[in-house]
Amino acid sequence: MTLPLPEYDKVIRRFVKDYVDNLTPDQMRNHLSEQFHIDFENIRQDMGQDEVFIEMINWDSDLYDQIAQDFDLPEDL
């Protein structure tokens, strides 16, 4: 079965909304943590580690700066 794209989008959005609405906070954290790791890994594979670090800076530069100090990472990319 193949739905027209607008109808498919409605199905997917409904599923995701209903699924997420039923997650516990711990389940949500676990899902997000895993997905973010996959996202960063995809960036690394496509564009390299520096692009991952830049993405981290874009998300939360203060957090990146703290971690950069712990791992001796470059602060200016």
N, C-alpha and C. Protein backbone atom coordinates (compact mmCIF):
# COMPACT_ATOMS: atom_id res chain seq x y z
N MET A 1 0.84 -1.18 0.00
CA MET A 1 0.00 0.00 0.00
C MET A 1 0.89 1.24 0.00
N THR A 2 0.57 2.18 -0.84
CA THR A 2 1.29 3.45 -0.88
C THR A 2 0.26 4.57 -0.78
N LEU A 3 0.41 5.37 0.25
CA LEU A 3 -0.48 6.51 0.44
C LEU A 3 0.07 7.74 -0.27
N PRO A 4 -0.79 8.64 -0.64
CA PRO A 4 -0.28 9.93 -1.11
C PRO A 4 0.52 10.57 0.03
N LEU A 5 1.56 11.28 -0.31
CA LEU A 5 2.47 11.83 0.70
C LEU A 5 1.77 12.64 1.79
N PRO A 6 0.81 13.52 1.45
CA PRO A 6 0.14 14.26 2.54
C PRO A 6 -0.60 13.34 3.52
N GLU A 7 -1.21 12.29 3.01
CA GLU A 7 -1.93 11.35 3.88
C GLU A 7 -0.93 10.53 4.72
N TYR A 8 0.14 10.10 4.10
CA TYR A 8 1.21 9.38 4.81
C TYR A 8 1.74 10.23 5.95
N ASP A 9 1.98 11.51 5.68
CA ASP A 9 2.48 12.42 6.71
C ASP A 9 1.50 12.51 7.88
N LYS A 10 0.23 12.56 7.60
CA LYS A 10 -0.78 12.60 8.68
C LYS A 10 -0.72 11.34 9.53
N VAL A 11 -0.58 10.19 8.90
CA VAL A 11 -0.50 8.92 9.63
C VAL A 11 0.72 8.91 10.54
N ILE A 12 1.87 9.28 9.99
CA ILE A 12 3.12 9.27 10.75
C ILE A 12 3.06 10.26 11.90
N ARG A 13 2.59 11.46 11.63
CA ARG A 13 2.51 12.48 12.70
C ARG A 13 1.57 12.02 13.81
N ARG A 14 0.47 11.41 13.45
CA ARG A 14 -0.49 10.91 14.46
C ARG A 14 0.16 9.80 15.28
N PHE A 15 0.83 8.87 14.62
CA PHE A 15 1.48 7.78 15.34
C PHE A 15 2.52 8.33 16.31
N VAL A 16 3.37 9.21 15.83
CA VAL A 16 4.43 9.77 16.67
C VAL A 16 3.83 10.52 17.85
N LYS A 17 2.84 11.35 17.59
CA LYS A 17 2.21 12.11 18.68
C LYS A 17 1.63 11.18 19.73
N ASP A 18 0.84 10.20 19.30
CA ASP A 18 0.21 9.28 20.24
C ASP A 18 1.25 8.45 20.98
N TYR A 19 2.28 8.02 20.26
CA TYR A 19 3.34 7.23 20.88
C TYR A 19 4.08 8.03 21.94
N VAL A 20 4.48 9.24 21.59
CA VAL A 20 5.23 10.09 22.51
C VAL A 20 4.38 10.48 23.71
N ASP A 21 3.12 10.74 23.48
CA ASP A 21 2.23 11.11 24.58
C ASP A 21 2.12 10.01 25.64
N ASN A 22 2.41 8.77 25.25
CA ASN A 22 2.30 7.65 26.18
C ASN A 22 3.64 7.23 26.79
N LEU A 23 4.72 7.90 26.44
CA LEU A 23 6.03 7.56 27.01
C LEU A 23 6.19 8.13 28.41
N THR A 24 6.91 7.41 29.23
CA THR A 24 7.30 7.95 30.53
C THR A 24 8.48 8.90 30.31
N PRO A 25 8.77 9.78 31.26
CA PRO A 25 9.94 10.65 31.10
C PRO A 25 11.25 9.87 30.89
N ASP A 26 11.43 8.76 31.58
CA ASP A 26 12.64 7.96 31.39
C ASP A 26 12.70 7.36 29.99
N GLN A 27 11.57 6.87 29.51
CA GLN A 27 11.54 6.32 28.14
C GLN A 27 11.86 7.41 27.12
N MET A 28 11.32 8.61 27.34
CA MET A 28 11.57 9.71 26.43
C MET A 28 13.06 10.08 26.42
N ARG A 29 13.66 10.16 27.60
CA ARG A 29 15.09 10.46 27.69
C ARG A 29 15.91 9.41 26.95
N ASN A 30 15.55 8.14 27.14
CA ASN A 30 16.29 7.07 26.47
C ASN A 30 16.17 7.17 24.95
N HIS A 31 14.97 7.42 24.47
CA HIS A 31 14.77 7.56 23.02
C HIS A 31 15.56 8.75 22.47
N LEU A 32 15.47 9.87 23.14
CA LEU A 32 16.18 11.06 22.68
C LEU A 32 17.69 10.85 22.71
N SER A 33 18.18 10.27 23.77
CA SER A 33 19.61 10.02 23.90
C SER A 33 20.12 9.15 22.75
N GLU A 34 19.41 8.09 22.48
CA GLU A 34 19.82 7.19 21.39
C GLU A 34 19.75 7.89 20.03
N GLN A 35 18.67 8.65 19.79
CA GLN A 35 18.52 9.32 18.51
C GLN A 35 19.58 10.41 18.32
N PHE A 36 19.89 11.15 19.37
CA PHE A 36 20.93 12.18 19.26
C PHE A 36 22.28 11.55 18.97
N HIS A 37 22.56 10.42 19.60
CA HIS A 37 23.81 9.73 19.32
C HIS A 37 23.87 9.31 17.85
N ILE A 38 22.78 8.77 17.34
CA ILE A 38 22.72 8.38 15.92
C ILE A 38 22.91 9.60 15.03
N ASP A 39 22.27 10.71 15.38
CA ASP A 39 22.42 11.94 14.58
C ASP A 39 23.86 12.40 14.54
N PHE A 40 24.52 12.43 15.70
CA PHE A 40 25.93 12.85 15.75
C PHE A 40 26.82 11.87 14.97
N GLU A 41 26.53 10.60 15.07
CA GLU A 41 27.33 9.60 14.34
C GLU A 41 27.16 9.77 12.83
N ASN A 42 25.95 10.05 12.39
CA ASN A 42 25.72 10.30 10.96
C ASN A 42 26.49 11.53 10.49
N ILE A 43 26.50 12.58 11.31
CA ILE A 43 27.27 13.78 10.96
C ILE A 43 28.75 13.43 10.87
N ARG A 44 29.26 12.66 11.84
CA ARG A 44 30.67 12.28 11.83
C ARG A 44 31.01 11.50 10.57
N GLN A 45 30.19 10.55 10.22
CA GLN A 45 30.46 9.73 9.04
C GLN A 45 30.41 10.54 7.76
N ASP A 46 29.48 11.50 7.69
CA ASP A 46 29.31 12.31 6.47
C ASP A 46 30.32 13.44 6.36
N MET A 47 30.66 14.08 7.50
CA MET A 47 31.45 15.31 7.42
C MET A 47 32.63 15.39 8.37
N GLY A 48 32.78 14.43 9.28
CA GLY A 48 33.93 14.42 10.18
C GLY A 48 33.62 14.92 11.58
N GLN A 49 34.59 14.71 12.47
CA GLN A 49 34.40 15.05 13.88
C GLN A 49 34.23 16.55 14.11
N ASP A 50 34.97 17.38 13.40
CA ASP A 50 34.83 18.83 13.62
C ASP A 50 33.40 19.29 13.43
N GLU A 51 32.70 18.72 12.44
CA GLU A 51 31.31 19.11 12.22
C GLU A 51 30.41 18.67 13.36
N VAL A 52 30.74 17.53 13.98
CA VAL A 52 29.98 17.09 15.16
C VAL A 52 30.18 18.10 16.29
N PHE A 53 31.44 18.51 16.50
CA PHE A 53 31.72 19.48 17.57
C PHE A 53 31.01 20.81 17.29
N ILE A 54 30.97 21.22 16.05
CA ILE A 54 30.26 22.46 15.70
C ILE A 54 28.76 22.31 15.98
N GLU A 55 28.21 21.16 15.66
CA GLU A 55 26.79 20.92 15.95
C GLU A 55 26.53 20.96 17.45
N MET A 56 27.45 20.37 18.23
CA MET A 56 27.31 20.41 19.69
C MET A 56 27.34 21.85 20.20
N ILE A 57 28.24 22.65 19.65
CA ILE A 57 28.32 24.06 20.03
C ILE A 57 27.01 24.77 19.70
N ASN A 58 26.45 24.46 18.54
CA ASN A 58 25.18 25.09 18.14
C ASN A 58 24.04 24.71 19.08
N TRP A 59 24.08 23.50 19.62
CA TRP A 59 23.03 23.06 20.55
C TRP A 59 23.19 23.73 21.90
N ASP A 60 24.42 23.73 22.43
CA ASP A 60 24.64 24.26 23.78
C ASP A 60 26.12 24.55 23.95
N SER A 61 26.51 25.77 23.65
CA SER A 61 27.93 26.12 23.66
C SER A 61 28.53 26.05 25.06
N ASP A 62 27.77 26.38 26.09
CA ASP A 62 28.30 26.31 27.45
C ASP A 62 28.61 24.86 27.84
N LEU A 63 27.70 23.97 27.52
CA LEU A 63 27.93 22.56 27.81
C LEU A 63 29.13 22.05 27.02
N TYR A 64 29.20 22.42 25.73
CA TYR A 64 30.35 21.99 24.93
C TYR A 64 31.65 22.48 25.55
N ASP A 65 31.69 23.74 25.98
CA ASP A 65 32.91 24.30 26.57
C ASP A 65 33.36 23.50 27.80
N GLN A 66 32.40 23.09 28.64
CA GLN A 66 32.73 22.29 29.82
C GLN A 66 33.34 20.95 29.41
N ILE A 67 32.71 20.30 28.45
CA ILE A 67 33.19 18.99 28.01
C ILE A 67 34.51 19.13 27.26
N ALA A 68 34.65 20.20 26.49
CA ALA A 68 35.90 20.43 25.74
C ALA A 68 37.08 20.54 26.69
N GLN A 69 36.88 21.16 27.83
CA GLN A 69 37.96 21.27 28.82
C GLN A 69 38.31 19.90 29.38
N ASP A 70 37.31 19.09 29.65
CA ASP A 70 37.55 17.75 30.21
C ASP A 70 38.31 16.85 29.25
N PHE A 71 38.09 17.03 27.94
CA PHE A 71 38.69 16.16 26.94
C PHE A 71 39.74 16.85 26.08
N ASP A 72 40.12 18.07 26.48
CA ASP A 72 41.13 18.83 25.74
C ASP A 72 40.75 18.99 24.26
N LEU A 73 39.49 19.35 24.03
CA LEU A 73 39.00 19.58 22.68
C LEU A 73 39.17 21.05 22.31
N PRO A 74 39.22 21.34 21.02
CA PRO A 74 39.32 22.74 20.62
C PRO A 74 38.04 23.51 21.00
N GLU A 75 38.22 24.71 21.51
CA GLU A 75 37.06 25.52 21.87
C GLU A 75 36.62 26.41 20.71
N ASP A 76 37.54 26.72 19.81
CA ASP A 76 37.22 27.58 18.67
C ASP A 76 37.29 26.75 17.39
N LEU A 77 36.14 26.48 16.82
CA LEU A 77 36.10 25.71 15.58
C LEU A 77 35.60 26.58 14.45
